[in-house]
Amino acid sequence: LKYLDLSHNSIGAAGAEALGSALATSQITTLHLSRMQRGCSEAIIKALPQTKIEELILDSNGLGMKEAKLLRDVLPQSQLRELSLFYNELWDEEALIISEGIVNSQLCLIDGCRMSKETR
């Protein structure tokens, strides 16, 4: 299994923790988690350095400053090449924080980061 789309599911915090742990031993390279419950993204973001995920879609998850700081910290250690953050609560300050993680990546393998100022 290389592609997993759990968008529009209510896995909850415990489910997100379990998924984060499982991703560390999986072969999944593309993960779509749009429109999840608030707070579920944190466990997935924290797990990124231990995964093979290259494409991560976290659209419409209510991500804000806390998640921006987590992304900044884990991006340099992850294998991400593409990150989608459309329709979250990420404004100029959060975008700058995330960009620090991209710039500080030793591998500089990020192909794209998509964001929008609009929220849904």
PDB file of N, CA and C in Angstrom:
ATOM      1  N   LEU A   1       0.842  -1.181   0.000  1.00  0.00           N
ATOM      2  CA  LEU A   1       0.000   0.000   0.000  1.00  0.00           C
ATOM      3  C   LEU A   1       0.882   1.238   0.000  1.00  0.00           C
ATOM      4  N   LYS A   2       0.764   2.054  -1.035  1.00  0.00           N
ATOM      5  CA  LYS A   2       1.575   3.270  -1.150  1.00  0.00           C
ATOM      6  C   LYS A   2       0.736   4.532  -0.968  1.00  0.00           C
ATOM      7  N   TYR A   3      -0.572   4.430  -1.183  1.00  0.00           N
ATOM      8  CA  TYR A   3      -1.476   5.582  -1.165  1.00  0.00           C
ATOM      9  C   TYR A   3      -2.607   5.312  -0.177  1.00  0.00           C
ATOM     10  N   LEU A   4      -2.832   6.271   0.716  1.00  0.00           N
ATOM     11  CA  LEU A   4      -3.911   6.125   1.691  1.00  0.00           C
ATOM     12  C   LEU A   4      -4.681   7.425   1.778  1.00  0.00           C
ATOM     13  N   ASP A   5      -5.989   7.355   1.590  1.00  0.00           N
ATOM     14  CA  ASP A   5      -6.854   8.529   1.676  1.00  0.00           C
ATOM     15  C   ASP A   5      -7.900   8.270   2.758  1.00  0.00           C
ATOM     16  N   LEU A   6      -7.735   8.963   3.872  1.00  0.00           N
ATOM     17  CA  LEU A   6      -8.686   8.864   4.980  1.00  0.00           C
ATOM     18  C   LEU A   6      -9.445  10.178   5.171  1.00  0.00           C
ATOM     19  N   SER A   7      -9.515  10.974   4.119  1.00  0.00           N
ATOM     20  CA  SER A   7     -10.216  12.250   4.190  1.00  0.00           C
ATOM     21  C   SER A   7     -11.678  12.037   4.567  1.00  0.00           C
ATOM     22  N   HIS A   8     -12.234  13.024   5.248  1.00  0.00           N
ATOM     23  CA  HIS A   8     -13.647  13.017   5.649  1.00  0.00           C
ATOM     24  C   HIS A   8     -13.978  11.895   6.630  1.00  0.00           C
ATOM     25  N   ASN A   9     -12.989  11.419   7.376  1.00  0.00           N
ATOM     26  CA  ASN A   9     -13.228  10.396   8.382  1.00  0.00           C
ATOM     27  C   ASN A   9     -13.059  11.006   9.769  1.00  0.00           C
ATOM     28  N   SER A  10     -13.719  10.455  10.725  1.00  0.00           N
ATOM     29  CA  SER A  10     -13.624  10.925  12.102  1.00  0.00           C
ATOM     30  C   SER A  10     -12.814   9.924  12.912  1.00  0.00           C
ATOM     31  N   ILE A  11     -11.505   9.918  12.682  1.00  0.00           N
ATOM     32  CA  ILE A  11     -10.675   8.929  13.371  1.00  0.00           C
ATOM     33  C   ILE A  11     -10.384   9.337  14.807  1.00  0.00           C
ATOM     34  N   GLY A  12     -10.549  10.603  15.138  1.00  0.00           N
ATOM     35  CA  GLY A  12     -10.329  11.085  16.494  1.00  0.00           C
ATOM     36  C   GLY A  12      -8.863  11.099  16.875  1.00  0.00           C
ATOM     37  N   ALA A  13      -8.571  11.617  18.047  1.00  0.00           N
ATOM     38  CA  ALA A  13      -7.192  11.753  18.514  1.00  0.00           C
ATOM     39  C   ALA A  13      -6.520  10.395  18.702  1.00  0.00           C
ATOM     40  N   ALA A  14      -7.235   9.443  19.267  1.00  0.00           N
ATOM     41  CA  ALA A  14      -6.662   8.103  19.485  1.00  0.00           C
ATOM     42  C   ALA A  14      -6.372   7.419  18.157  1.00  0.00           C
ATOM     43  N   GLY A  15      -7.263   7.570  17.204  1.00  0.00           N
ATOM     44  CA  GLY A  15      -7.054   6.997  15.878  1.00  0.00           C
ATOM     45  C   GLY A  15      -5.875   7.636  15.169  1.00  0.00           C
ATOM     46  N   ALA A  16      -5.716   8.950  15.339  1.00  0.00           N
ATOM     47  CA  ALA A  16      -4.587   9.655  14.729  1.00  0.00           C
ATOM     48  C   ALA A  16      -3.265   9.194  15.342  1.00  0.00           C
ATOM     49  N   GLU A  17      -3.262   8.978  16.652  1.00  0.00           N
ATOM     50  CA  GLU A  17      -2.058   8.466  17.327  1.00  0.00           C
ATOM     51  C   GLU A  17      -1.707   7.076  16.792  1.00  0.00           C
ATOM     52  N   ALA A  18      -2.705   6.223  16.662  1.00  0.00           N
ATOM     53  CA  ALA A  18      -2.478   4.872  16.151  1.00  0.00           C
ATOM     54  C   ALA A  18      -1.995   4.909  14.710  1.00  0.00           C
ATOM     55  N   LEU A  19      -2.587   5.777  13.900  1.00  0.00           N
ATOM     56  CA  LEU A  19      -2.164   5.920  12.508  1.00  0.00           C
ATOM     57  C   LEU A  19      -0.725   6.417  12.438  1.00  0.00           C
ATOM     58  N   GLY A  20      -0.392   7.410  13.250  1.00  0.00           N
ATOM     59  CA  GLY A  20       0.974   7.935  13.283  1.00  0.00           C
ATOM     60  C   GLY A  20       1.983   6.842  13.601  1.00  0.00           C
ATOM     61  N   SER A  21       1.671   6.006  14.550  1.00  0.00           N
ATOM     62  CA  SER A  21       2.555   4.889  14.917  1.00  0.00           C
ATOM     63  C   SER A  21       2.662   3.880  13.780  1.00  0.00           C
ATOM     64  N   ALA A  22       1.535   3.560  13.149  1.00  0.00           N
ATOM     65  CA  ALA A  22       1.521   2.580  12.066  1.00  0.00           C
ATOM     66  C   ALA A  22       2.287   3.079  10.840  1.00  0.00           C
ATOM     67  N   LEU A  23       2.256   4.377  10.595  1.00  0.00           N
ATOM     68  CA  LEU A  23       2.941   4.934   9.428  1.00  0.00           C
ATOM     69  C   LEU A  23       4.445   4.720   9.485  1.00  0.00           C
ATOM     70  N   ALA A  24       4.985   4.625  10.684  1.00  0.00           N
ATOM     71  CA  ALA A  24       6.436   4.455  10.835  1.00  0.00           C
ATOM     72  C   ALA A  24       6.928   3.141  10.237  1.00  0.00           C
ATOM     73  N   THR A  25       6.082   2.147  10.163  1.00  0.00           N
ATOM     74  CA  THR A  25       6.493   0.855   9.619  1.00  0.00           C
ATOM     75  C   THR A  25       5.822   0.538   8.289  1.00  0.00           C
ATOM     76  N   SER A  26       5.131   1.511   7.720  1.00  0.00           N
ATOM     77  CA  SER A  26       4.410   1.274   6.470  1.00  0.00           C
ATOM     78  C   SER A  26       5.238   1.724   5.261  1.00  0.00           C
ATOM     79  N   GLN A  27       4.751   1.375   4.091  1.00  0.00           N
ATOM     80  CA  GLN A  27       5.362   1.787   2.818  1.00  0.00           C
ATOM     81  C   GLN A  27       4.572   2.933   2.180  1.00  0.00           C
ATOM     82  N   ILE A  28       3.661   3.538   2.930  1.00  0.00           N
ATOM     83  CA  ILE A  28       2.818   4.614   2.400  1.00  0.00           C
ATOM     84  C   ILE A  28       3.671   5.831   2.078  1.00  0.00           C
ATOM     85  N   THR A  29       3.505   6.330   0.845  1.00  0.00           N
ATOM     86  CA  THR A  29       4.236   7.525   0.423  1.00  0.00           C
ATOM     87  C   THR A  29       3.302   8.708   0.174  1.00  0.00           C
ATOM     88  N   THR A  30       2.016   8.443  -0.004  1.00  0.00           N
ATOM     89  CA  THR A  30       1.030   9.508  -0.222  1.00  0.00           C
ATOM     90  C   THR A  30      -0.088   9.354   0.793  1.00  0.00           C
ATOM     91  N   LEU A  31      -0.321  10.417   1.554  1.00  0.00           N
ATOM     92  CA  LEU A  31      -1.334  10.384   2.608  1.00  0.00           C
ATOM     93  C   LEU A  31      -2.251  11.596   2.492  1.00  0.00           C
ATOM     94  N   HIS A  32      -3.546  11.335   2.288  1.00  0.00           N
ATOM     95  CA  HIS A  32      -4.548  12.391   2.205  1.00  0.00           C
ATOM     96  C   HIS A  32      -5.398  12.357   3.467  1.00  0.00           C
ATOM     97  N   LEU A  33      -5.369  13.461   4.198  1.00  0.00           N
ATOM     98  CA  LEU A  33      -6.129  13.566   5.440  1.00  0.00           C
ATOM     99  C   LEU A  33      -6.888  14.887   5.495  1.00  0.00           C
ATOM    100  N   SER A  34      -7.617  15.201   4.462  1.00  0.00           N
ATOM    101  CA  SER A  34      -8.388  16.441   4.429  1.00  0.00           C
ATOM    102  C   SER A  34      -9.674  16.305   5.220  1.00  0.00           C
ATOM    103  N   ARG A  35     -10.088  17.436   5.798  1.00  0.00           N
ATOM    104  CA  ARG A  35     -11.353  17.523   6.525  1.00  0.00           C
ATOM    105  C   ARG A  35     -11.470  16.498   7.655  1.00  0.00           C
ATOM    106  N   MET A  36     -10.428  16.443   8.454  1.00  0.00           N
ATOM    107  CA  MET A  36     -10.430  15.584   9.624  1.00  0.00           C
ATOM    108  C   MET A  36     -10.880  16.409  10.833  1.00  0.00           C
ATOM    109  N   GLN A  37     -11.068  15.768  11.955  1.00  0.00           N
ATOM    110  CA  GLN A  37     -11.425  16.486  13.174  1.00  0.00           C
ATOM    111  C   GLN A  37     -10.237  17.337  13.616  1.00  0.00           C
ATOM    112  N   ARG A  38     -10.548  18.482  14.220  1.00  0.00           N
ATOM    113  CA  ARG A  38      -9.476  19.331  14.765  1.00  0.00           C
ATOM    114  C   ARG A  38      -8.646  18.544  15.767  1.00  0.00           C
ATOM    115  N   GLY A  39      -7.357  18.781  15.729  1.00  0.00           N
ATOM    116  CA  GLY A  39      -6.459  18.139  16.668  1.00  0.00           C
ATOM    117  C   GLY A  39      -5.898  16.808  16.201  1.00  0.00           C
ATOM    118  N   CYS A  40      -6.432  16.246  15.136  1.00  0.00           N
ATOM    119  CA  CYS A  40      -5.951  14.949  14.648  1.00  0.00           C
ATOM    120  C   CYS A  40      -4.642  15.078  13.884  1.00  0.00           C
ATOM    121  N   SER A  41      -4.381  16.222  13.307  1.00  0.00           N
ATOM    122  CA  SER A  41      -3.188  16.395  12.473  1.00  0.00           C
ATOM    123  C   SER A  41      -1.895  16.379  13.276  1.00  0.00           C
ATOM    124  N   GLU A  42      -1.959  16.770  14.526  1.00  0.00           N
ATOM    125  CA  GLU A  42      -0.749  16.878  15.351  1.00  0.00           C
ATOM    126  C   GLU A  42       0.021  15.561  15.423  1.00  0.00           C
ATOM    127  N   ALA A  43      -0.666  14.468  15.679  1.00  0.00           N
ATOM    128  CA  ALA A  43      -0.001  13.163  15.792  1.00  0.00           C
ATOM    129  C   ALA A  43       0.630  12.752  14.468  1.00  0.00           C
ATOM    130  N   ILE A  44      -0.037  13.058  13.376  1.00  0.00           N
ATOM    131  CA  ILE A  44       0.490  12.706  12.052  1.00  0.00           C
ATOM    132  C   ILE A  44       1.740  13.534  11.752  1.00  0.00           C
ATOM    133  N   ILE A  45       1.684  14.828  12.043  1.00  0.00           N
ATOM    134  CA  ILE A  45       2.839  15.700  11.803  1.00  0.00           C
ATOM    135  C   ILE A  45       4.033  15.242  12.632  1.00  0.00           C
ATOM    136  N   LYS A  46       3.802  14.920  13.891  1.00  0.00           N
ATOM    137  CA  LYS A  46       4.894  14.466  14.759  1.00  0.00           C
ATOM    138  C   LYS A  46       5.534  13.176  14.251  1.00  0.00           C
ATOM    139  N   ALA A  47       4.757  12.331  13.604  1.00  0.00           N
ATOM    140  CA  ALA A  47       5.258  11.041  13.121  1.00  0.00           C
ATOM    141  C   ALA A  47       6.047  11.159  11.814  1.00  0.00           C
ATOM    142  N   LEU A  48       5.934  12.273  11.106  1.00  0.00           N
ATOM    143  CA  LEU A  48       6.538  12.397   9.770  1.00  0.00           C
ATOM    144  C   LEU A  48       8.005  11.988   9.673  1.00  0.00           C
ATOM    145  N   PRO A  49       8.867  12.374  10.606  1.00  0.00           N
ATOM    146  CA  PRO A  49      10.278  12.003  10.446  1.00  0.00           C
ATOM    147  C   PRO A  49      10.528  10.491  10.429  1.00  0.00           C
ATOM    148  N   GLN A  50       9.615   9.705  10.952  1.00  0.00           N
ATOM    149  CA  GLN A  50       9.785   8.250  10.985  1.00  0.00           C
ATOM    150  C   GLN A  50       9.075   7.549   9.841  1.00  0.00           C
ATOM    151  N   THR A  51       8.493   8.306   8.907  1.00  0.00           N
ATOM    152  CA  THR A  51       7.708   7.709   7.827  1.00  0.00           C
ATOM    153  C   THR A  51       8.395   7.871   6.476  1.00  0.00           C
ATOM    154  N   LYS A  52       7.800   7.241   5.471  1.00  0.00           N
ATOM    155  CA  LYS A  52       8.266   7.370   4.087  1.00  0.00           C
ATOM    156  C   LYS A  52       7.353   8.290   3.282  1.00  0.00           C
ATOM    157  N   ILE A  53       6.524   9.048   3.972  1.00  0.00           N
ATOM    158  CA  ILE A  53       5.553   9.908   3.295  1.00  0.00           C
ATOM    159  C   ILE A  53       6.264  11.002   2.518  1.00  0.00           C
ATOM    160  N   GLU A  54       5.937  11.089   1.218  1.00  0.00           N
ATOM    161  CA  GLU A  54       6.489  12.113   0.339  1.00  0.00           C
ATOM    162  C   GLU A  54       5.452  13.171  -0.017  1.00  0.00           C
ATOM    163  N   GLU A  55       4.179  12.796   0.025  1.00  0.00           N
ATOM    164  CA  GLU A  55       3.101  13.741  -0.283  1.00  0.00           C
ATOM    165  C   GLU A  55       2.082  13.691   0.848  1.00  0.00           C
ATOM    166  N   LEU A  56       1.799  14.847   1.428  1.00  0.00           N
ATOM    167  CA  LEU A  56       0.859  14.941   2.542  1.00  0.00           C
ATOM    168  C   LEU A  56      -0.163  16.029   2.250  1.00  0.00           C
ATOM    169  N   ILE A  57      -1.425  15.656   2.297  1.00  0.00           N
ATOM    170  CA  ILE A  57      -2.534  16.585   2.059  1.00  0.00           C
ATOM    171  C   ILE A  57      -3.264  16.772   3.383  1.00  0.00           C
ATOM    172  N   LEU A  58      -3.209  17.984   3.914  1.00  0.00           N
ATOM    173  CA  LEU A  58      -3.880  18.317   5.174  1.00  0.00           C
ATOM    174  C   LEU A  58      -4.839  19.498   4.973  1.00  0.00           C
ATOM    175  N   ASP A  59      -5.562  19.498   3.874  1.00  0.00           N
ATOM    176  CA  ASP A  59      -6.490  20.581   3.557  1.00  0.00           C
ATOM    177  C   ASP A  59      -7.682  20.584   4.518  1.00  0.00           C
ATOM    178  N   SER A  60      -8.150  21.778   4.848  1.00  0.00           N
ATOM    179  CA  SER A  60      -9.385  21.966   5.617  1.00  0.00           C
ATOM    180  C   SER A  60      -9.389  21.227   6.953  1.00  0.00           C
ATOM    181  N   ASN A  61      -8.304  21.369   7.701  1.00  0.00           N
ATOM    182  CA  ASN A  61      -8.211  20.714   8.999  1.00  0.00           C
ATOM    183  C   ASN A  61      -8.135  21.694  10.164  1.00  0.00           C
ATOM    184  N   GLY A  62      -8.305  22.969   9.907  1.00  0.00           N
ATOM    185  CA  GLY A  62      -8.250  23.950  10.987  1.00  0.00           C
ATOM    186  C   GLY A  62      -6.852  24.127  11.567  1.00  0.00           C
ATOM    187  N   LEU A  63      -5.841  23.842  10.764  1.00  0.00           N
ATOM    188  CA  LEU A  63      -4.470  23.986  11.249  1.00  0.00           C
ATOM    189  C   LEU A  63      -4.171  25.450  11.545  1.00  0.00           C
ATOM    190  N   GLY A  64      -3.409  25.688  12.606  1.00  0.00           N
ATOM    191  CA  GLY A  64      -3.058  27.045  13.004  1.00  0.00           C
ATOM    192  C   GLY A  64      -1.606  27.133  13.430  1.00  0.00           C
ATOM    193  N   MET A  65      -1.333  28.021  14.355  1.00  0.00           N
ATOM    194  CA  MET A  65       0.031  28.297  14.798  1.00  0.00           C
ATOM    195  C   MET A  65       0.717  27.052  15.377  1.00  0.00           C
ATOM    196  N   LYS A  66       0.007  26.295  16.195  1.00  0.00           N
ATOM    197  CA  LYS A  66       0.602  25.113  16.822  1.00  0.00           C
ATOM    198  C   LYS A  66       1.105  24.132  15.767  1.00  0.00           C
ATOM    199  N   GLU A  67       0.281  23.864  14.763  1.00  0.00           N
ATOM    200  CA  GLU A  67       0.662  22.929  13.710  1.00  0.00           C
ATOM    201  C   GLU A  67       1.748  23.512  12.813  1.00  0.00           C
ATOM    202  N   ALA A  68       1.729  24.831  12.611  1.00  0.00           N
ATOM    203  CA  ALA A  68       2.777  25.486  11.816  1.00  0.00           C
ATOM    204  C   ALA A  68       4.141  25.279  12.474  1.00  0.00           C
ATOM    205  N   LYS A  69       4.187  25.436  13.789  1.00  0.00           N
ATOM    206  CA  LYS A  69       5.452  25.237  14.514  1.00  0.00           C
ATOM    207  C   LYS A  69       5.896  23.780  14.459  1.00  0.00           C
ATOM    208  N   LEU A  70       4.954  22.863  14.571  1.00  0.00           N
ATOM    209  CA  LEU A  70       5.303  21.444  14.457  1.00  0.00           C
ATOM    210  C   LEU A  70       5.856  21.130  13.071  1.00  0.00           C
ATOM    211  N   LEU A  71       5.205  21.649  12.030  1.00  0.00           N
ATOM    212  CA  LEU A  71       5.692  21.428  10.676  1.00  0.00           C
ATOM    213  C   LEU A  71       7.099  21.989  10.503  1.00  0.00           C
ATOM    214  N   ARG A  72       7.335  23.186  11.009  1.00  0.00           N
ATOM    215  CA  ARG A  72       8.668  23.792  10.935  1.00  0.00           C
ATOM    216  C   ARG A  72       9.715  22.851  11.532  1.00  0.00           C
ATOM    217  N   ASP A  73       9.377  22.249  12.650  1.00  0.00           N
ATOM    218  CA  ASP A  73      10.333  21.397  13.356  1.00  0.00           C
ATOM    219  C   ASP A  73      10.566  20.052  12.683  1.00  0.00           C
ATOM    220  N   VAL A  74       9.539  19.486  12.036  1.00  0.00           N
ATOM    221  CA  VAL A  74       9.700  18.145  11.465  1.00  0.00           C
ATOM    222  C   VAL A  74      10.055  18.130   9.978  1.00  0.00           C
ATOM    223  N   LEU A  75       9.747  19.184   9.243  1.00  0.00           N
ATOM    224  CA  LEU A  75      10.024  19.176   7.803  1.00  0.00           C
ATOM    225  C   LEU A  75      11.482  18.868   7.470  1.00  0.00           C
ATOM    226  N   PRO A  76      12.458  19.436   8.182  1.00  0.00           N
ATOM    227  CA  PRO A  76      13.853  19.132   7.838  1.00  0.00           C
ATOM    228  C   PRO A  76      14.227  17.659   8.028  1.00  0.00           C
ATOM    229  N   GLN A  77      13.452  16.937   8.821  1.00  0.00           N
ATOM    230  CA  GLN A  77      13.762  15.531   9.094  1.00  0.00           C
ATOM    231  C   GLN A  77      12.861  14.573   8.323  1.00  0.00           C
ATOM    232  N   SER A  78      11.947  15.104   7.535  1.00  0.00           N
ATOM    233  CA  SER A  78      10.988  14.247   6.835  1.00  0.00           C
ATOM    234  C   SER A  78      11.422  14.005   5.391  1.00  0.00           C
ATOM    235  N   GLN A  79      10.696  13.116   4.724  1.00  0.00           N
ATOM    236  CA  GLN A  79      10.931  12.823   3.315  1.00  0.00           C
ATOM    237  C   GLN A  79       9.916  13.539   2.423  1.00  0.00           C
ATOM    238  N   LEU A  80       9.162  14.475   2.986  1.00  0.00           N
ATOM    239  CA  LEU A  80       8.127  15.179   2.213  1.00  0.00           C
ATOM    240  C   LEU A  80       8.707  15.895   1.007  1.00  0.00           C
ATOM    241  N   ARG A  81       7.995  15.754  -0.098  1.00  0.00           N
ATOM    242  CA  ARG A  81       8.307  16.488  -1.324  1.00  0.00           C
ATOM    243  C   ARG A  81       7.158  17.422  -1.693  1.00  0.00           C
ATOM    244  N   GLU A  82       5.976  17.103  -1.182  1.00  0.00           N
ATOM    245  CA  GLU A  82       4.807  17.906  -1.504  1.00  0.00           C
ATOM    246  C   GLU A  82       3.900  17.984  -0.282  1.00  0.00           C
ATOM    247  N   LEU A  83       3.448  19.195   0.008  1.00  0.00           N
ATOM    248  CA  LEU A  83       2.620  19.452   1.178  1.00  0.00           C
ATOM    249  C   LEU A  83       1.486  20.376   0.774  1.00  0.00           C
ATOM    250  N   SER A  84       0.250  19.969   1.040  1.00  0.00           N
ATOM    251  CA  SER A  84      -0.903  20.800   0.714  1.00  0.00           C
ATOM    252  C   SER A  84      -1.615  21.197   2.007  1.00  0.00           C
ATOM    253  N   LEU A  85      -1.793  22.504   2.166  1.00  0.00           N
ATOM    254  CA  LEU A  85      -2.397  23.053   3.379  1.00  0.00           C
ATOM    255  C   LEU A  85      -3.542  24.018   3.061  1.00  0.00           C
ATOM    256  N   PHE A  86      -4.237  23.801   1.958  1.00  0.00           N
ATOM    257  CA  PHE A  86      -5.342  24.680   1.579  1.00  0.00           C
ATOM    258  C   PHE A  86      -6.408  24.740   2.670  1.00  0.00           C
ATOM    259  N   TYR A  87      -7.056  25.895   2.772  1.00  0.00           N
ATOM    260  CA  TYR A  87      -8.223  26.103   3.623  1.00  0.00           C
ATOM    261  C   TYR A  87      -7.999  25.743   5.089  1.00  0.00           C
ATOM    262  N   ASN A  88      -6.883  26.213   5.629  1.00  0.00           N
ATOM    263  CA  ASN A  88      -6.601  26.098   7.047  1.00  0.00           C
ATOM    264  C   ASN A  88      -6.508  27.514   7.623  1.00  0.00           C
ATOM    265  N   GLU A  89      -6.230  27.627   8.875  1.00  0.00           N
ATOM    266  CA  GLU A  89      -6.107  28.932   9.519  1.00  0.00           C
ATOM    267  C   GLU A  89      -4.638  29.343   9.586  1.00  0.00           C
ATOM    268  N   LEU A  90      -4.001  29.308   8.421  1.00  0.00           N
ATOM    269  CA  LEU A  90      -2.583  29.640   8.297  1.00  0.00           C
ATOM    270  C   LEU A  90      -2.468  30.967   7.558  1.00  0.00           C
ATOM    271  N   TRP A  91      -2.001  31.979   8.257  1.00  0.00           N
ATOM    272  CA  TRP A  91      -1.893  33.303   7.682  1.00  0.00           C
ATOM    273  C   TRP A  91      -0.419  33.629   7.471  1.00  0.00           C
ATOM    274  N   ASP A  92      -0.086  34.876   7.336  1.00  0.00           N
ATOM    275  CA  ASP A  92       1.286  35.268   7.019  1.00  0.00           C
ATOM    276  C   ASP A  92       2.294  34.743   8.033  1.00  0.00           C
ATOM    277  N   GLU A  93       2.025  34.924   9.318  1.00  0.00           N
ATOM    278  CA  GLU A  93       2.974  34.497  10.345  1.00  0.00           C
ATOM    279  C   GLU A  93       3.176  32.979  10.316  1.00  0.00           C
ATOM    280  N   GLU A  94       2.092  32.241  10.188  1.00  0.00           N
ATOM    281  CA  GLU A  94       2.191  30.785  10.137  1.00  0.00           C
ATOM    282  C   GLU A  94       2.937  30.331   8.876  1.00  0.00           C
ATOM    283  N   ALA A  95       2.667  30.997   7.755  1.00  0.00           N
ATOM    284  CA  ALA A  95       3.362  30.653   6.503  1.00  0.00           C
ATOM    285  C   ALA A  95       4.867  30.887   6.630  1.00  0.00           C
ATOM    286  N   LEU A  96       5.248  31.962   7.286  1.00  0.00           N
ATOM    287  CA  LEU A  96       6.676  32.227   7.489  1.00  0.00           C
ATOM    288  C   LEU A  96       7.316  31.165   8.373  1.00  0.00           C
ATOM    289  N   ILE A  97       6.609  30.741   9.385  1.00  0.00           N
ATOM    290  CA  ILE A  97       7.128  29.702  10.284  1.00  0.00           C
ATOM    291  C   ILE A  97       7.318  28.390   9.515  1.00  0.00           C
ATOM    292  N   ILE A  98       6.329  28.007   8.727  1.00  0.00           N
ATOM    293  CA  ILE A  98       6.448  26.777   7.938  1.00  0.00           C
ATOM    294  C   ILE A  98       7.596  26.886   6.942  1.00  0.00           C
ATOM    295  N   SER A  99       7.757  28.060   6.339  1.00  0.00           N
ATOM    296  CA  SER A  99       8.840  28.233   5.363  1.00  0.00           C
ATOM    297  C   SER A  99      10.214  28.050   6.004  1.00  0.00           C
ATOM    298  N   GLU A 100      10.342  28.360   7.293  1.00  0.00           N
ATOM    299  CA  GLU A 100      11.609  28.116   7.992  1.00  0.00           C
ATOM    300  C   GLU A 100      11.956  26.625   7.957  1.00  0.00           C
ATOM    301  N   GLY A 101      10.965  25.789   8.126  1.00  0.00           N
ATOM    302  CA  GLY A 101      11.196  24.344   8.059  1.00  0.00           C
ATOM    303  C   GLY A 101      11.614  23.896   6.681  1.00  0.00           C
ATOM    304  N   ILE A 102      11.030  24.514   5.659  1.00  0.00           N
ATOM    305  CA  ILE A 102      11.396  24.178   4.283  1.00  0.00           C
ATOM    306  C   ILE A 102      12.820  24.636   3.993  1.00  0.00           C
ATOM    307  N   VAL A 103      13.132  25.873   4.365  1.00  0.00           N
ATOM    308  CA  VAL A 103      14.463  26.435   4.102  1.00  0.00           C
ATOM    309  C   VAL A 103      15.538  25.694   4.884  1.00  0.00           C
ATOM    310  N   ASN A 104      15.244  25.310   6.110  1.00  0.00           N
ATOM    311  CA  ASN A 104      16.233  24.651   6.956  1.00  0.00           C
ATOM    312  C   ASN A 104      16.374  23.161   6.678  1.00  0.00           C
ATOM    313  N   SER A 105      15.605  22.661   5.735  1.00  0.00           N
ATOM    314  CA  SER A 105      15.710  21.253   5.386  1.00  0.00           C
ATOM    315  C   SER A 105      17.072  20.986   4.767  1.00  0.00           C
ATOM    316  N   GLN A 106      17.781  20.028   5.316  1.00  0.00           N
ATOM    317  CA  GLN A 106      19.106  19.693   4.788  1.00  0.00           C
ATOM    318  C   GLN A 106      19.003  19.104   3.386  1.00  0.00           C
ATOM    319  N   LEU A 107      17.885  18.446   3.117  1.00  0.00           N
ATOM    320  CA  LEU A 107      17.731  17.799   1.822  1.00  0.00           C
ATOM    321  C   LEU A 107      17.121  18.718   0.773  1.00  0.00           C
ATOM    322  N   CYS A 108      16.376  19.717   1.222  1.00  0.00           N
ATOM    323  CA  CYS A 108      15.694  20.661   0.309  1.00  0.00           C
ATOM    324  C   CYS A 108      14.935  19.930  -0.796  1.00  0.00           C
ATOM    325  N   LEU A 109      14.155  18.942  -0.429  1.00  0.00           N
ATOM    326  CA  LEU A 109      13.438  18.140  -1.412  1.00  0.00           C
ATOM    327  C   LEU A 109      11.979  18.548  -1.577  1.00  0.00           C
ATOM    328  N   ILE A 110      11.567  19.594  -0.917  1.00  0.00           N
ATOM    329  CA  ILE A 110      10.174  20.014  -1.027  1.00  0.00           C
ATOM    330  C   ILE A 110       9.926  20.541  -2.440  1.00  0.00           C
ATOM    331  N   ASP A 111       9.036  19.889  -3.178  1.00  0.00           N
ATOM    332  CA  ASP A 111       8.691  20.322  -4.535  1.00  0.00           C
ATOM    333  C   ASP A 111       7.606  21.390  -4.524  1.00  0.00           C
ATOM    334  N   GLY A 112       6.760  21.356  -3.512  1.00  0.00           N
ATOM    335  CA  GLY A 112       5.692  22.334  -3.488  1.00  0.00           C
ATOM    336  C   GLY A 112       4.970  22.351  -2.156  1.00  0.00           C
ATOM    337  N   CYS A 113       4.509  23.535  -1.812  1.00  0.00           N
ATOM    338  CA  CYS A 113       3.677  23.704  -0.623  1.00  0.00           C
ATOM    339  C   CYS A 113       2.535  24.611  -1.045  1.00  0.00           C
ATOM    340  N   ARG A 114       1.319  24.096  -1.022  1.00  0.00           N
ATOM    341  CA  ARG A 114       0.161  24.860  -1.466  1.00  0.00           C
ATOM    342  C   ARG A 114      -0.621  25.335  -0.252  1.00  0.00           C
ATOM    343  N   MET A 115      -0.883  26.635  -0.224  1.00  0.00           N
ATOM    344  CA  MET A 115      -1.651  27.211   0.870  1.00  0.00           C
ATOM    345  C   MET A 115      -2.635  28.215   0.299  1.00  0.00           C
ATOM    346  N   SER A 116      -3.660  28.522   1.036  1.00  0.00           N
ATOM    347  CA  SER A 116      -4.642  29.520   0.651  1.00  0.00           C
ATOM    348  C   SER A 116      -4.983  30.364   1.874  1.00  0.00           C
ATOM    349  N   LYS A 117      -5.259  31.630   1.667  1.00  0.00           N
ATOM    350  CA  LYS A 117      -5.651  32.494   2.775  1.00  0.00           C
ATOM    351  C   LYS A 117      -7.092  32.273   3.196  1.00  0.00           C
ATOM    352  N   GLU A 118      -7.870  31.651   2.347  1.00  0.00           N
ATOM    353  CA  GLU A 118      -9.278  31.433   2.662  1.00  0.00           C
ATOM    354  C   GLU A 118      -9.435  30.285   3.655  1.00  0.00           C
ATOM    355  N   THR A 119     -10.463  30.365   4.467  1.00  0.00           N
ATOM    356  CA  THR A 119     -10.813  29.250   5.349  1.00  0.00           C
ATOM    357  C   THR A 119     -12.209  28.797   4.998  1.00  0.00           C
ATOM    358  N   ARG A 120     -12.489  27.574   5.300  1.00  0.00           N
ATOM    359  CA  ARG A 120     -13.838  27.033   5.051  1.00  0.00           C
ATOM    360  C   ARG A 120     -14.423  26.535   6.327  1.00  0.00           C
TER     361      ARG A 120
END
